[in-house]
Protein backbone atom coordinates (compact mmCIF):
# COMPACT_ATOMS: atom_id res chain seq x y z
CA MET A 1 103.84 93.27 65.29
CA CYS A 2 103.43 90.68 68.03
CA ASN A 3 102.46 91.51 71.59
CA GLN A 4 105.49 90.36 73.62
CA GLY A 5 103.81 91.24 76.93
CA LYS A 6 100.78 89.08 76.22
CA LYS A 7 103.00 86.23 75.00
CA GLY A 8 105.02 86.32 78.23
CA GLU A 9 101.93 86.46 80.46
CA MET A 10 100.28 83.55 78.62
CA GLN A 11 103.44 81.45 78.94
CA VAL A 12 103.52 82.08 82.70
CA THR A 13 99.81 81.24 83.09
CA GLU A 14 100.47 78.01 81.18
CA LEU A 15 103.30 77.16 83.60
CA ILE A 16 101.18 77.93 86.68
CA SER A 17 98.31 75.90 85.22
CA GLN A 18 100.67 72.94 84.82
CA MET A 19 101.93 73.39 88.39
CA GLY A 20 98.28 73.30 89.50
CA GLN A 21 97.79 69.96 87.74
CA LEU A 22 100.35 68.18 89.91
CA ASN A 23 98.66 65.74 92.30
CA ASN A 24 97.21 67.53 95.34
CA SER A 25 98.85 70.77 94.24
CA PRO A 26 98.16 73.85 96.40
CA VAL A 27 98.52 76.08 93.31
CA ASP A 28 95.76 78.10 91.65
CA PHE A 29 95.82 81.44 89.86
CA VAL A 30 93.73 84.44 88.83
CA ARG A 31 94.17 87.21 86.29
CA TYR A 32 92.52 90.43 87.42
CA THR A 33 93.06 92.29 84.14
CA THR A 34 93.86 91.62 80.52
CA THR A 35 97.28 92.31 79.02
CA ASN A 36 98.17 96.01 78.62
CA THR A 37 95.48 97.08 81.08
CA PRO A 38 96.73 99.09 84.08
CA ASP A 39 97.20 96.57 86.89
CA ASN A 40 99.67 98.11 89.36
CA GLY A 41 102.20 95.41 88.53
CA HIS A 42 99.81 92.52 89.21
CA ASP A 43 99.64 90.54 85.95
CA ILE A 44 98.86 87.23 87.65
CA GLY A 45 97.85 86.30 91.19
CA VAL A 46 98.90 82.91 92.56
CA HIS A 47 97.27 81.21 95.53
CA HIS A 48 99.67 78.65 96.98
CA THR A 49 101.79 77.95 100.07
CA GLU A 50 104.96 79.46 101.48
CA LYS A 51 106.79 76.19 100.83
CA ASN A 52 105.62 76.18 97.22
CA PHE A 53 106.96 79.75 96.79
CA ASP A 54 110.32 78.68 98.24
CA GLU A 55 110.43 75.60 95.99
CA MET A 56 109.61 77.73 92.92
CA MET A 57 112.62 79.89 93.73
CA ALA A 58 114.88 76.88 94.37
CA ILE A 59 113.86 75.07 91.17
CA SER A 60 114.21 78.23 89.08
CA ASN A 61 117.75 78.72 90.43
CA GLY A 62 118.71 75.08 89.77
CA ASN A 63 118.95 74.19 93.47
CA LEU A 64 116.02 71.73 93.46
CA SER A 65 114.81 69.38 90.73
CA GLU A 66 111.13 68.93 91.62
CA PHE A 67 108.31 70.04 93.87
CA SER A 68 107.83 68.07 97.05
CA SER A 69 104.64 66.24 97.88
CA PRO A 70 101.91 68.65 98.96
CA LYS A 71 101.05 66.12 101.68
CA GLU A 72 104.34 67.10 103.35
CA ASP A 73 103.53 70.81 103.14
CA GLU A 74 102.20 72.26 106.37
CA SER A 75 103.22 75.83 105.57
CA ASN A 76 100.77 78.72 105.47
CA ARG A 77 98.70 79.53 102.42
CA MET A 78 99.54 82.81 100.74
CA LYS A 79 98.88 85.00 97.71
CA THR A 80 101.66 86.02 95.35
CA ARG A 81 101.62 88.90 92.90
CA ILE A 82 103.44 88.17 89.64
CA ASP A 83 104.62 90.86 87.25
CA VAL A 84 105.82 89.46 83.91
CA LYS A 85 108.44 91.14 81.71
CA ASN A 86 109.12 89.81 78.23
CA GLU A 87 111.56 92.10 76.46
CA ASN A 88 114.64 89.81 76.36
CA ASN A 89 116.81 92.37 78.13
CA LYS A 90 118.15 92.52 81.66
CA ILE A 91 115.81 94.01 84.27
CA THR A 92 117.03 97.55 84.92
CA LYS A 93 117.09 99.46 88.18
CA PRO A 94 114.05 101.65 87.26
CA VAL A 95 111.97 98.55 86.38
CA ALA A 96 113.00 96.90 89.66
CA GLU A 97 112.19 100.08 91.62
CA LYS A 98 108.68 100.23 90.12
CA PHE A 99 108.13 96.54 90.90
CA ILE A 100 109.20 97.06 94.52
CA ALA A 101 107.14 100.28 94.84
CA ASP A 102 104.06 98.28 93.80
CA ILE A 103 104.39 96.08 96.90
CA LYS A 104 102.57 98.75 98.93
CA LYS A 105 99.65 98.61 96.49
CA HIS A 106 99.10 94.93 97.27
CA PRO A 107 99.06 94.51 101.06
CA ASP A 108 97.08 91.25 100.77
CA CYS A 109 99.98 89.60 98.91
CA LYS A 110 102.78 88.06 100.91
CA GLY A 111 104.66 87.02 97.79
CA HIS A 112 105.96 89.31 95.06
CA LEU A 113 107.63 87.78 91.99
CA LEU A 114 109.07 89.53 88.97
CA LEU A 115 109.38 87.05 86.10
CA GLY A 116 111.09 87.17 82.74
CA ASP A 117 113.94 88.74 80.85
CA ASN A 118 117.57 87.72 81.10
CA GLY A 119 118.73 88.60 84.58
CA LEU A 120 119.11 91.70 86.71
CA THR A 121 121.50 94.58 86.22
CA LYS A 122 123.70 95.35 89.24
CA GLY A 123 121.43 98.28 90.09
CA ALA A 124 118.34 96.06 89.96
CA GLU A 125 120.06 93.45 92.16
CA ASN A 126 120.71 96.15 94.75
CA VAL A 127 117.04 97.20 94.64
CA PHE A 128 115.97 93.62 95.38
CA HIS A 129 118.49 93.24 98.23
CA GLU A 130 117.24 96.49 99.82
CA ALA A 131 113.62 95.39 99.43
CA GLU A 132 114.28 92.14 101.28
CA LYS A 133 115.58 94.22 104.21
CA ASN A 134 112.73 96.75 104.03
CA TYR A 135 109.98 94.11 103.77
CA PRO A 136 111.06 91.31 106.15
CA ASN A 137 107.54 89.80 106.26
CA LYS A 138 107.25 89.52 102.48
CA LYS A 139 108.66 86.94 100.09
CA ILE A 140 110.25 88.85 97.20
CA GLY A 141 111.92 87.20 94.25
CA TYR A 142 113.02 87.38 90.66
CA ILE A 143 112.91 84.51 88.16
CA SER A 144 114.66 84.93 84.82
CA ASN A 145 113.62 83.35 81.51
CA LYS A 146 116.14 80.57 82.24
CA GLY A 147 114.51 80.06 85.65
CA ILE A 148 111.08 79.86 84.01
CA GLN A 149 112.46 77.14 81.72
CA ASN A 150 113.79 75.26 84.78
CA LEU A 151 110.32 75.42 86.36
CA LYS A 152 108.66 74.22 83.13
CA LYS A 153 111.09 71.33 82.80
CA ALA A 154 110.59 70.21 86.41
CA THR A 155 106.81 70.57 86.26
CA LEU A 156 106.44 68.72 82.96
CA ALA A 157 108.68 65.88 84.20
CA GLN A 158 106.58 65.53 87.34
CA LEU A 159 103.34 65.60 85.33
CA GLN A 160 104.68 62.91 82.99
CA ASN A 161 105.81 60.78 85.94
CA GLN A 162 102.43 61.12 87.66
CA ASN A 163 100.60 60.29 84.40
CA ASP A 164 102.83 57.26 83.78
CA ARG A 165 101.86 55.89 87.20
CA LEU A 166 98.16 56.19 86.31
CA CYS A 167 98.50 53.97 83.21
């Protein structure tokens, strides 16, 4: 039996590693625990900027095709907590509620991203909308498997473009 959780977390660390390889990228990451170790919903920690967080969300939703130049980014640095789900279902209301409840356990993180699976149920969507109202100083988001693929595609295209210019 394969470990779906570990597979999902490794795929996300690969993506973040690639994002960190973009020229002058503000992105770096840490893993505080191994897979299936209690982590209070903090599978991966990302150190980046507010603009990078916003661009991750825009690219994942298909509203932006690439990351902007970090030289144009004067936004504040921040930490983002990522919780990865890899069960190929929709995120349910109880899963969303646990993710949002874990925000209080990570006061040093401005960003909170739930990644994976195939969308949010209506109940989970409502949980996220409420959380945005209840935590106005936090950046809270959800990126589906399709959104992760959009980020991978954009990042790999930018890496290829930057490598082509070096040759």
